[in-house]
Amino acid sequence: MPSVFEDPEGFLRDFEARITAMAQKASSLDEALEAATATAKSENGEVRIKVGAGGALQEIHLSSQASTLTPRTLAAMIKEVYDQAAIQAGDNSTRALADVFGEDSEIVSQVRANRPEV
């Protein structure tokens, strides 16, 4: 990187290039994280859940078969399906970060280190 005192124009060009690269990465990351949703469903399709990045619940669909289940069974099924979708969304988010910042980047390492064990 050029010195601001020895080569101010070179420093400015380098600075502008870094800002442009950071803006492109931010845009790519926004797009990748938007696509990092995941959908999971119960074995017989009673419950379908869509989860976004960070585990944000986006959609719950209950089929007519869900009405035949006891409240306790349905609640357990919803939690199980949500957990599956959240894990998938987390994996998708980690892949999105790796695509933008690289597999060996500090941010990807931190995300992987802080993921809950399954």
N, C-alpha and C. Protein backbone atom coordinates (compact mmCIF):
# COMPACT_ATOMS: atom_id res chain seq x y z
N MET A 1 0.85 -1.17 0.00
CA MET A 1 0.00 0.00 0.00
C MET A 1 0.90 1.24 0.00
N PRO A 2 0.65 2.15 -0.90
CA PRO A 2 1.46 3.37 -0.98
C PRO A 2 1.28 4.23 0.27
N SER A 3 2.31 4.97 0.60
CA SER A 3 2.27 5.88 1.74
C SER A 3 1.52 7.15 1.37
N VAL A 4 0.70 7.64 2.27
CA VAL A 4 -0.05 8.87 2.03
C VAL A 4 0.91 10.06 1.89
N PHE A 5 2.07 9.97 2.53
CA PHE A 5 3.03 11.08 2.49
C PHE A 5 3.95 11.01 1.27
N GLU A 6 4.32 9.79 0.87
CA GLU A 6 5.25 9.64 -0.25
C GLU A 6 4.54 9.59 -1.60
N ASP A 7 3.33 9.04 -1.62
CA ASP A 7 2.60 8.90 -2.89
C ASP A 7 1.11 9.11 -2.61
N PRO A 8 0.68 10.36 -2.39
CA PRO A 8 -0.72 10.60 -2.03
C PRO A 8 -1.71 10.13 -3.10
N GLU A 9 -1.36 10.29 -4.37
CA GLU A 9 -2.27 9.84 -5.44
C GLU A 9 -2.37 8.33 -5.45
N GLY A 10 -1.26 7.65 -5.28
CA GLY A 10 -1.27 6.18 -5.22
C GLY A 10 -2.05 5.69 -4.01
N PHE A 11 -1.86 6.38 -2.89
CA PHE A 11 -2.60 6.03 -1.68
C PHE A 11 -4.10 6.16 -1.92
N LEU A 12 -4.51 7.25 -2.55
CA LEU A 12 -5.92 7.49 -2.83
C LEU A 12 -6.48 6.43 -3.78
N ARG A 13 -5.73 6.09 -4.84
CA ARG A 13 -6.18 5.04 -5.77
C ARG A 13 -6.36 3.71 -5.03
N ASP A 14 -5.37 3.37 -4.20
CA ASP A 14 -5.45 2.12 -3.45
C ASP A 14 -6.64 2.14 -2.49
N PHE A 15 -6.85 3.26 -1.82
CA PHE A 15 -7.97 3.40 -0.89
C PHE A 15 -9.30 3.25 -1.62
N GLU A 16 -9.44 3.89 -2.76
CA GLU A 16 -10.68 3.79 -3.55
C GLU A 16 -10.91 2.36 -4.02
N ALA A 17 -9.85 1.68 -4.42
CA ALA A 17 -9.98 0.28 -4.86
C ALA A 17 -10.44 -0.60 -3.71
N ARG A 18 -9.90 -0.36 -2.51
CA ARG A 18 -10.32 -1.16 -1.36
C ARG A 18 -11.77 -0.89 -0.99
N ILE A 19 -12.20 0.36 -1.07
CA ILE A 19 -13.60 0.71 -0.78
C ILE A 19 -14.53 0.04 -1.79
N THR A 20 -14.16 0.07 -3.07
CA THR A 20 -14.96 -0.58 -4.11
C THR A 20 -15.06 -2.08 -3.86
N ALA A 21 -13.94 -2.71 -3.51
CA ALA A 21 -13.95 -4.15 -3.23
C ALA A 21 -14.82 -4.47 -2.02
N MET A 22 -14.76 -3.65 -0.99
CA MET A 22 -15.58 -3.87 0.20
C MET A 22 -17.07 -3.71 -0.13
N ALA A 23 -17.41 -2.74 -0.96
CA ALA A 23 -18.81 -2.54 -1.34
C ALA A 23 -19.33 -3.74 -2.15
N GLN A 24 -18.48 -4.27 -3.03
CA GLN A 24 -18.88 -5.45 -3.81
C GLN A 24 -19.08 -6.66 -2.91
N LYS A 25 -18.18 -6.84 -1.94
CA LYS A 25 -18.33 -7.95 -1.00
C LYS A 25 -19.61 -7.80 -0.19
N ALA A 26 -19.91 -6.59 0.25
CA ALA A 26 -21.12 -6.36 1.04
C ALA A 26 -22.36 -6.68 0.23
N SER A 27 -22.37 -6.28 -1.03
CA SER A 27 -23.51 -6.56 -1.91
C SER A 27 -23.64 -8.07 -2.13
N SER A 28 -22.51 -8.73 -2.38
CA SER A 28 -22.53 -10.19 -2.58
C SER A 28 -23.02 -10.89 -1.33
N LEU A 29 -22.58 -10.42 -0.17
CA LEU A 29 -22.98 -11.04 1.08
C LEU A 29 -24.48 -10.86 1.32
N ASP A 30 -25.01 -9.67 1.06
CA ASP A 30 -26.45 -9.44 1.21
C ASP A 30 -27.24 -10.43 0.36
N GLU A 31 -26.82 -10.57 -0.90
CA GLU A 31 -27.52 -11.49 -1.81
C GLU A 31 -27.39 -12.93 -1.33
N ALA A 32 -26.20 -13.31 -0.89
CA ALA A 32 -25.98 -14.69 -0.45
C ALA A 32 -26.78 -15.00 0.81
N LEU A 33 -26.82 -14.07 1.75
CA LEU A 33 -27.57 -14.32 2.98
C LEU A 33 -29.08 -14.33 2.73
N GLU A 34 -29.54 -13.55 1.77
CA GLU A 34 -30.97 -13.60 1.41
C GLU A 34 -31.33 -14.98 0.88
N ALA A 35 -30.40 -15.59 0.16
CA ALA A 35 -30.64 -16.91 -0.42
C ALA A 35 -30.36 -18.03 0.57
N ALA A 36 -29.92 -17.71 1.78
CA ALA A 36 -29.52 -18.72 2.75
C ALA A 36 -30.70 -19.25 3.56
N THR A 37 -31.88 -19.20 3.02
CA THR A 37 -33.05 -19.74 3.71
C THR A 37 -33.05 -21.26 3.58
N ALA A 38 -33.84 -21.89 4.41
CA ALA A 38 -33.99 -23.34 4.33
C ALA A 38 -35.41 -23.70 4.73
N THR A 39 -35.91 -24.74 4.11
CA THR A 39 -37.24 -25.25 4.42
C THR A 39 -37.12 -26.71 4.82
N ALA A 40 -37.82 -27.07 5.89
CA ALA A 40 -37.85 -28.47 6.33
C ALA A 40 -39.31 -28.84 6.56
N LYS A 41 -39.58 -30.14 6.47
CA LYS A 41 -40.95 -30.59 6.73
C LYS A 41 -40.92 -31.89 7.51
N SER A 42 -42.02 -32.15 8.17
CA SER A 42 -42.14 -33.40 8.93
C SER A 42 -42.24 -34.56 7.96
N GLU A 43 -42.03 -35.75 8.49
CA GLU A 43 -41.97 -36.94 7.64
C GLU A 43 -43.22 -37.12 6.78
N ASN A 44 -44.39 -36.87 7.34
CA ASN A 44 -45.63 -37.05 6.58
C ASN A 44 -46.22 -35.74 6.08
N GLY A 45 -45.47 -34.65 6.22
CA GLY A 45 -45.90 -33.38 5.66
C GLY A 45 -46.89 -32.58 6.49
N GLU A 46 -47.08 -32.95 7.76
CA GLU A 46 -48.01 -32.19 8.59
C GLU A 46 -47.52 -30.77 8.85
N VAL A 47 -46.20 -30.62 8.97
CA VAL A 47 -45.59 -29.33 9.30
C VAL A 47 -44.50 -29.02 8.28
N ARG A 48 -44.51 -27.78 7.78
CA ARG A 48 -43.44 -27.29 6.91
C ARG A 48 -43.02 -25.92 7.43
N ILE A 49 -41.73 -25.72 7.61
CA ILE A 49 -41.22 -24.47 8.18
C ILE A 49 -40.08 -23.93 7.32
N LYS A 50 -40.13 -22.62 7.09
CA LYS A 50 -39.07 -21.92 6.35
C LYS A 50 -38.35 -20.99 7.32
N VAL A 51 -37.02 -21.07 7.32
CA VAL A 51 -36.19 -20.29 8.23
C VAL A 51 -35.15 -19.52 7.42
N GLY A 52 -34.89 -18.29 7.83
CA GLY A 52 -33.88 -17.47 7.17
C GLY A 52 -32.57 -17.47 7.93
N ALA A 53 -31.66 -16.63 7.47
CA ALA A 53 -30.35 -16.50 8.10
C ALA A 53 -30.53 -16.12 9.57
N GLY A 54 -29.70 -16.68 10.41
CA GLY A 54 -29.78 -16.38 11.83
C GLY A 54 -30.92 -17.08 12.54
N GLY A 55 -31.61 -17.99 11.86
CA GLY A 55 -32.70 -18.72 12.47
C GLY A 55 -34.03 -18.00 12.48
N ALA A 56 -34.13 -16.92 11.71
CA ALA A 56 -35.37 -16.15 11.68
C ALA A 56 -36.50 -16.97 11.05
N LEU A 57 -37.56 -17.17 11.80
CA LEU A 57 -38.72 -17.90 11.31
C LEU A 57 -39.42 -17.07 10.24
N GLN A 58 -39.59 -17.63 9.06
CA GLN A 58 -40.23 -16.90 7.96
C GLN A 58 -41.61 -17.43 7.63
N GLU A 59 -41.81 -18.71 7.84
CA GLU A 59 -43.10 -19.29 7.44
C GLU A 59 -43.35 -20.60 8.18
N ILE A 60 -44.59 -20.80 8.61
CA ILE A 60 -45.04 -22.09 9.14
C ILE A 60 -46.27 -22.49 8.36
N HIS A 61 -46.27 -23.71 7.87
CA HIS A 61 -47.44 -24.23 7.17
C HIS A 61 -47.86 -25.52 7.88
N LEU A 62 -49.12 -25.59 8.25
CA LEU A 62 -49.68 -26.81 8.84
C LEU A 62 -50.70 -27.38 7.88
N SER A 63 -50.52 -28.64 7.52
CA SER A 63 -51.48 -29.28 6.62
C SER A 63 -52.73 -29.67 7.41
N SER A 64 -53.74 -30.10 6.71
CA SER A 64 -54.97 -30.53 7.38
C SER A 64 -54.71 -31.74 8.28
N GLN A 65 -53.68 -32.51 7.97
CA GLN A 65 -53.33 -33.66 8.82
C GLN A 65 -52.88 -33.22 10.21
N ALA A 66 -52.36 -32.01 10.34
CA ALA A 66 -51.88 -31.52 11.63
C ALA A 66 -53.02 -31.44 12.65
N SER A 67 -54.24 -31.24 12.18
CA SER A 67 -55.38 -31.11 13.11
C SER A 67 -55.71 -32.44 13.78
N THR A 68 -55.19 -33.53 13.28
CA THR A 68 -55.45 -34.84 13.90
C THR A 68 -54.46 -35.15 15.03
N LEU A 69 -53.45 -34.30 15.19
CA LEU A 69 -52.43 -34.53 16.20
C LEU A 69 -52.82 -33.87 17.52
N THR A 70 -52.32 -34.43 18.62
CA THR A 70 -52.55 -33.78 19.91
C THR A 70 -51.70 -32.50 19.96
N PRO A 71 -52.11 -31.53 20.76
CA PRO A 71 -51.31 -30.30 20.87
C PRO A 71 -49.85 -30.57 21.25
N ARG A 72 -49.62 -31.50 22.16
CA ARG A 72 -48.26 -31.82 22.59
C ARG A 72 -47.45 -32.41 21.43
N THR A 73 -48.05 -33.31 20.68
CA THR A 73 -47.36 -33.93 19.54
C THR A 73 -47.07 -32.89 18.46
N LEU A 74 -48.06 -32.04 18.19
CA LEU A 74 -47.87 -31.00 17.17
C LEU A 74 -46.78 -30.02 17.59
N ALA A 75 -46.77 -29.62 18.85
CA ALA A 75 -45.74 -28.69 19.34
C ALA A 75 -44.35 -29.31 19.20
N ALA A 76 -44.21 -30.57 19.57
CA ALA A 76 -42.92 -31.25 19.45
C ALA A 76 -42.49 -31.35 17.99
N MET A 77 -43.46 -31.61 17.11
CA MET A 77 -43.16 -31.72 15.68
C MET A 77 -42.71 -30.37 15.13
N ILE A 78 -43.39 -29.31 15.52
CA ILE A 78 -43.02 -27.96 15.06
C ILE A 78 -41.59 -27.65 15.51
N LYS A 79 -41.27 -27.94 16.76
CA LYS A 79 -39.92 -27.67 17.26
C LYS A 79 -38.88 -28.48 16.50
N GLU A 80 -39.16 -29.75 16.27
CA GLU A 80 -38.22 -30.62 15.55
C GLU A 80 -37.98 -30.12 14.12
N VAL A 81 -39.05 -29.76 13.44
CA VAL A 81 -38.93 -29.28 12.06
C VAL A 81 -38.22 -27.93 12.02
N TYR A 82 -38.55 -27.05 12.98
CA TYR A 82 -37.85 -25.77 13.05
C TYR A 82 -36.35 -25.99 13.25
N ASP A 83 -35.98 -26.88 14.16
CA ASP A 83 -34.56 -27.15 14.42
C ASP A 83 -33.85 -27.63 13.15
N GLN A 84 -34.51 -28.51 12.40
CA GLN A 84 -33.92 -29.00 11.14
C GLN A 84 -33.70 -27.86 10.16
N ALA A 85 -34.71 -27.01 10.01
CA ALA A 85 -34.60 -25.89 9.07
C ALA A 85 -33.54 -24.89 9.53
N ALA A 86 -33.46 -24.64 10.84
CA ALA A 86 -32.48 -23.69 11.37
C ALA A 86 -31.06 -24.19 11.14
N ILE A 87 -30.83 -25.48 11.31
CA ILE A 87 -29.50 -26.05 11.05
C ILE A 87 -29.15 -25.90 9.58
N GLN A 88 -30.11 -26.20 8.70
CA GLN A 88 -29.85 -26.05 7.26
C GLN A 88 -29.58 -24.59 6.90
N ALA A 89 -30.36 -23.67 7.46
CA ALA A 89 -30.15 -22.25 7.18
C ALA A 89 -28.79 -21.79 7.70
N GLY A 90 -28.39 -22.29 8.86
CA GLY A 90 -27.07 -21.97 9.40
C GLY A 90 -25.96 -22.46 8.49
N ASP A 91 -26.11 -23.69 7.99
CA ASP A 91 -25.12 -24.22 7.04
C ASP A 91 -25.08 -23.37 5.77
N ASN A 92 -26.25 -22.98 5.28
CA ASN A 92 -26.32 -22.14 4.08
C ASN A 92 -25.67 -20.78 4.32
N SER A 93 -25.90 -20.21 5.50
CA SER A 93 -25.30 -18.91 5.84
C SER A 93 -23.78 -19.01 5.92
N THR A 94 -23.30 -20.09 6.52
CA THR A 94 -21.85 -20.28 6.63
C THR A 94 -21.23 -20.43 5.24
N ARG A 95 -21.90 -21.17 4.36
CA ARG A 95 -21.41 -21.30 2.98
C ARG A 95 -21.40 -19.95 2.28
N ALA A 96 -22.44 -19.15 2.52
CA ALA A 96 -22.50 -17.82 1.91
C ALA A 96 -21.33 -16.96 2.38
N LEU A 97 -21.04 -16.99 3.66
CA LEU A 97 -19.90 -16.23 4.18
C LEU A 97 -18.59 -16.73 3.58
N ALA A 98 -18.45 -18.05 3.47
CA ALA A 98 -17.23 -18.63 2.90
C ALA A 98 -17.08 -18.24 1.43
N ASP A 99 -18.19 -18.19 0.70
CA ASP A 99 -18.12 -17.79 -0.72
C ASP A 99 -17.64 -16.36 -0.87
N VAL A 100 -18.04 -15.49 0.05
CA VAL A 100 -17.69 -14.08 -0.05
C VAL A 100 -16.31 -13.80 0.54
N PHE A 101 -16.02 -14.37 1.72
CA PHE A 101 -14.79 -14.02 2.43
C PHE A 101 -13.69 -15.07 2.32
N GLY A 102 -14.04 -16.28 1.86
CA GLY A 102 -13.06 -17.35 1.75
C GLY A 102 -13.18 -18.32 2.92
N GLU A 103 -12.93 -19.60 2.62
CA GLU A 103 -13.05 -20.66 3.63
C GLU A 103 -12.18 -20.42 4.85
N ASP A 104 -10.99 -19.86 4.65
CA ASP A 104 -10.03 -19.70 5.74
C ASP A 104 -10.11 -18.35 6.42
N SER A 105 -11.15 -17.57 6.14
CA SER A 105 -11.25 -16.23 6.73
C SER A 105 -11.60 -16.32 8.22
N GLU A 106 -11.24 -15.27 8.92
CA GLU A 106 -11.49 -15.18 10.37
C GLU A 106 -12.99 -15.26 10.67
N ILE A 107 -13.81 -14.57 9.88
CA ILE A 107 -15.25 -14.55 10.16
C ILE A 107 -15.87 -15.94 10.00
N VAL A 108 -15.45 -16.68 8.98
CA VAL A 108 -15.99 -18.03 8.78
C VAL A 108 -15.53 -18.94 9.92
N SER A 109 -14.29 -18.81 10.35
CA SER A 109 -13.79 -19.60 11.47
C SER A 109 -14.58 -19.31 12.74
N GLN A 110 -14.88 -18.04 12.99
CA GLN A 110 -15.65 -17.67 14.18
C GLN A 110 -17.07 -18.21 14.13
N VAL A 111 -17.69 -18.13 12.97
CA VAL A 111 -19.06 -18.64 12.83
C VAL A 111 -19.08 -20.14 13.08
N ARG A 112 -18.13 -20.85 12.50
CA ARG A 112 -18.08 -22.31 12.70
C ARG A 112 -17.81 -22.66 14.16
N ALA A 113 -16.94 -21.90 14.82
CA ALA A 113 -16.60 -22.18 16.22
C ALA A 113 -17.79 -21.92 17.15
N ASN A 114 -18.67 -21.02 16.77
CA ASN A 114 -19.80 -20.65 17.63
C ASN A 114 -21.10 -21.34 17.27
N ARG A 115 -21.09 -22.23 16.28
CA ARG A 115 -22.31 -22.96 15.93
C ARG A 115 -22.65 -23.95 17.03
N PRO A 116 -23.90 -24.06 17.39
CA PRO A 116 -24.27 -25.06 18.40
C PRO A 116 -24.05 -26.47 17.86
N GLU A 117 -23.65 -27.36 18.75
CA GLU A 117 -23.45 -28.75 18.34
C GLU A 117 -24.80 -29.43 18.17
N VAL A 118 -24.86 -30.30 17.18
CA VAL A 118 -26.11 -30.99 16.88
C VAL A 118 -26.02 -32.41 17.38
